[in-house]
Amino acid sequence: MAMLKQEILREVPLDHLKEGQHGVINQTPSNPLLASLGFREGKHVTIKAKEIFKGPLICSIDDRNVAISRDVAKKVLIETY
């Protein structure tokens, strides 16, 4: 009998992801600047770098790298698996 592998989804703030981790945006604050950078529900995002001393996160979204502050990243919820 074959076992079914079940994906485990969890929702975390973007700033909780480590470098190289990725997920799908589930919720963003209502912010036109974020939307213009590509941060919209359903988009795939990958953490490329986390700058030291609580600096910005470098994220890959829509085939481009974007820097956002950790304060903003805390408000973006990501589904990971």
C-alpha atoms as a PDB file:
ATOM      1  CA  MET A   1       0.000   0.000   0.000  1.00  0.00           C
ATOM      2  CA  ALA A   2       1.486   3.338  -1.029  1.00  0.00           C
ATOM      3  CA  MET A   3       1.631   6.118   1.532  1.00  0.00           C
ATOM      4  CA  LEU A   4       0.433   9.520   0.500  1.00  0.00           C
ATOM      5  CA  LYS A   5       2.863  12.321   1.148  1.00  0.00           C
ATOM      6  CA  GLN A   6       1.006  15.274   2.563  1.00  0.00           C
ATOM      7  CA  GLU A   7       2.412  18.768   2.221  1.00  0.00           C
ATOM      8  CA  ILE A   8       2.519  20.693   5.458  1.00  0.00           C
ATOM      9  CA  LEU A   9       1.685  24.356   5.014  1.00  0.00           C
ATOM     10  CA  ARG A  10       2.359  26.966   7.619  1.00  0.00           C
ATOM     11  CA  GLU A  11       1.898  30.704   7.614  1.00  0.00           C
ATOM     12  CA  VAL A  12       4.740  32.884   8.896  1.00  0.00           C
ATOM     13  CA  PRO A  13       5.806  36.518   8.559  1.00  0.00           C
ATOM     14  CA  LEU A  14       8.273  37.096   5.722  1.00  0.00           C
ATOM     15  CA  ASP A  15      11.014  38.159   8.149  1.00  0.00           C
ATOM     16  CA  HIS A  16      10.931  34.674   9.747  1.00  0.00           C
ATOM     17  CA  LEU A  17      12.195  32.974   6.577  1.00  0.00           C
ATOM     18  CA  LYS A  18      15.895  32.181   6.284  1.00  0.00           C
ATOM     19  CA  GLU A  19      18.105  32.921   3.300  1.00  0.00           C
ATOM     20  CA  GLY A  20      17.152  30.599   0.446  1.00  0.00           C
ATOM     21  CA  GLN A  21      13.690  29.816   1.828  1.00  0.00           C
ATOM     22  CA  HIS A  22      10.656  30.585  -0.275  1.00  0.00           C
ATOM     23  CA  GLY A  23       6.904  30.633  -0.126  1.00  0.00           C
ATOM     24  CA  VAL A  24       3.733  32.184  -1.476  1.00  0.00           C
ATOM     25  CA  ILE A  25       2.413  35.520  -0.276  1.00  0.00           C
ATOM     26  CA  ASN A  26      -0.849  34.959   1.567  1.00  0.00           C
ATOM     27  CA  GLN A  27      -1.473  38.428   2.992  1.00  0.00           C
ATOM     28  CA  THR A  28       0.077  41.895   2.673  1.00  0.00           C
ATOM     29  CA  PRO A  29      -0.713  45.216   4.290  1.00  0.00           C
ATOM     30  CA  SER A  30      -2.616  47.658   2.105  1.00  0.00           C
ATOM     31  CA  ASN A  31       0.371  49.552   0.740  1.00  0.00           C
ATOM     32  CA  PRO A  32       0.616  50.864  -2.846  1.00  0.00           C
ATOM     33  CA  LEU A  33       4.432  50.853  -2.711  1.00  0.00           C
ATOM     34  CA  LEU A  34       4.510  47.149  -1.784  1.00  0.00           C
ATOM     35  CA  ALA A  35       2.061  46.358  -4.570  1.00  0.00           C
ATOM     36  CA  SER A  36       4.193  48.278  -7.087  1.00  0.00           C
ATOM     37  CA  LEU A  37       7.209  46.181  -6.018  1.00  0.00           C
ATOM     38  CA  GLY A  38       5.255  42.995  -6.762  1.00  0.00           C
ATOM     39  CA  PHE A  39       4.178  42.049  -3.237  1.00  0.00           C
ATOM     40  CA  ARG A  40       0.678  40.753  -3.925  1.00  0.00           C
ATOM     41  CA  GLU A  41      -1.239  37.716  -2.730  1.00  0.00           C
ATOM     42  CA  GLY A  42      -0.388  34.557  -4.652  1.00  0.00           C
ATOM     43  CA  LYS A  43       3.096  35.709  -5.727  1.00  0.00           C
ATOM     44  CA  HIS A  44       6.120  33.497  -5.069  1.00  0.00           C
ATOM     45  CA  VAL A  45       8.909  35.089  -3.041  1.00  0.00           C
ATOM     46  CA  THR A  46      12.411  33.887  -2.082  1.00  0.00           C
ATOM     47  CA  ILE A  47      14.732  35.376   0.539  1.00  0.00           C
ATOM     48  CA  LYS A  48      18.045  36.127  -1.170  1.00  0.00           C
ATOM     49  CA  ALA A  49      19.785  37.873   1.751  1.00  0.00           C
ATOM     50  CA  LYS A  50      19.177  39.259   5.218  1.00  0.00           C
ATOM     51  CA  GLU A  51      21.397  42.259   5.858  1.00  0.00           C
ATOM     52  CA  ILE A  52      23.129  42.486   9.231  1.00  0.00           C
ATOM     53  CA  PHE A  53      22.163  44.757  12.124  1.00  0.00           C
ATOM     54  CA  LYS A  54      18.464  44.387  11.349  1.00  0.00           C
ATOM     55  CA  GLY A  55      18.976  45.775   7.857  1.00  0.00           C
ATOM     56  CA  PRO A  56      16.611  45.117   4.966  1.00  0.00           C
ATOM     57  CA  LEU A  57      15.659  41.788   3.450  1.00  0.00           C
ATOM     58  CA  ILE A  58      16.583  41.195  -0.172  1.00  0.00           C
ATOM     59  CA  CYS A  59      13.741  39.249  -1.792  1.00  0.00           C
ATOM     60  CA  SER A  60      13.345  37.788  -5.254  1.00  0.00           C
ATOM     61  CA  ILE A  61       9.887  38.381  -6.676  1.00  0.00           C
ATOM     62  CA  ASP A  62       8.800  38.581 -10.329  1.00  0.00           C
ATOM     63  CA  ASP A  63      12.362  37.775 -11.478  1.00  0.00           C
ATOM     64  CA  ARG A  64      13.863  40.802  -9.751  1.00  0.00           C
ATOM     65  CA  ASN A  65      15.499  41.517  -6.414  1.00  0.00           C
ATOM     66  CA  VAL A  66      13.761  43.941  -4.078  1.00  0.00           C
ATOM     67  CA  ALA A  67      14.850  45.269  -0.669  1.00  0.00           C
ATOM     68  CA  ILE A  68      12.242  45.824   2.046  1.00  0.00           C
ATOM     69  CA  SER A  69      12.615  46.759   5.697  1.00  0.00           C
ATOM     70  CA  ARG A  70      12.184  44.155   8.392  1.00  0.00           C
ATOM     71  CA  ASP A  71       9.322  46.180   9.872  1.00  0.00           C
ATOM     72  CA  VAL A  72       7.399  45.865   6.603  1.00  0.00           C
ATOM     73  CA  ALA A  73       8.449  42.209   6.177  1.00  0.00           C
ATOM     74  CA  LYS A  74       6.857  41.391   9.557  1.00  0.00           C
ATOM     75  CA  LYS A  75       3.478  42.380   8.105  1.00  0.00           C
ATOM     76  CA  VAL A  76       3.722  40.209   4.971  1.00  0.00           C
ATOM     77  CA  LEU A  77       2.412  36.692   5.674  1.00  0.00           C
ATOM     78  CA  ILE A  78       3.877  33.793   3.699  1.00  0.00           C
ATOM     79  CA  GLU A  79       2.693  30.202   3.243  1.00  0.00           C
ATOM     80  CA  THR A  80       5.652  27.833   3.355  1.00  0.00           C
ATOM     81  CA  TYR A  81       5.846  24.091   2.811  1.00  0.00           C
END
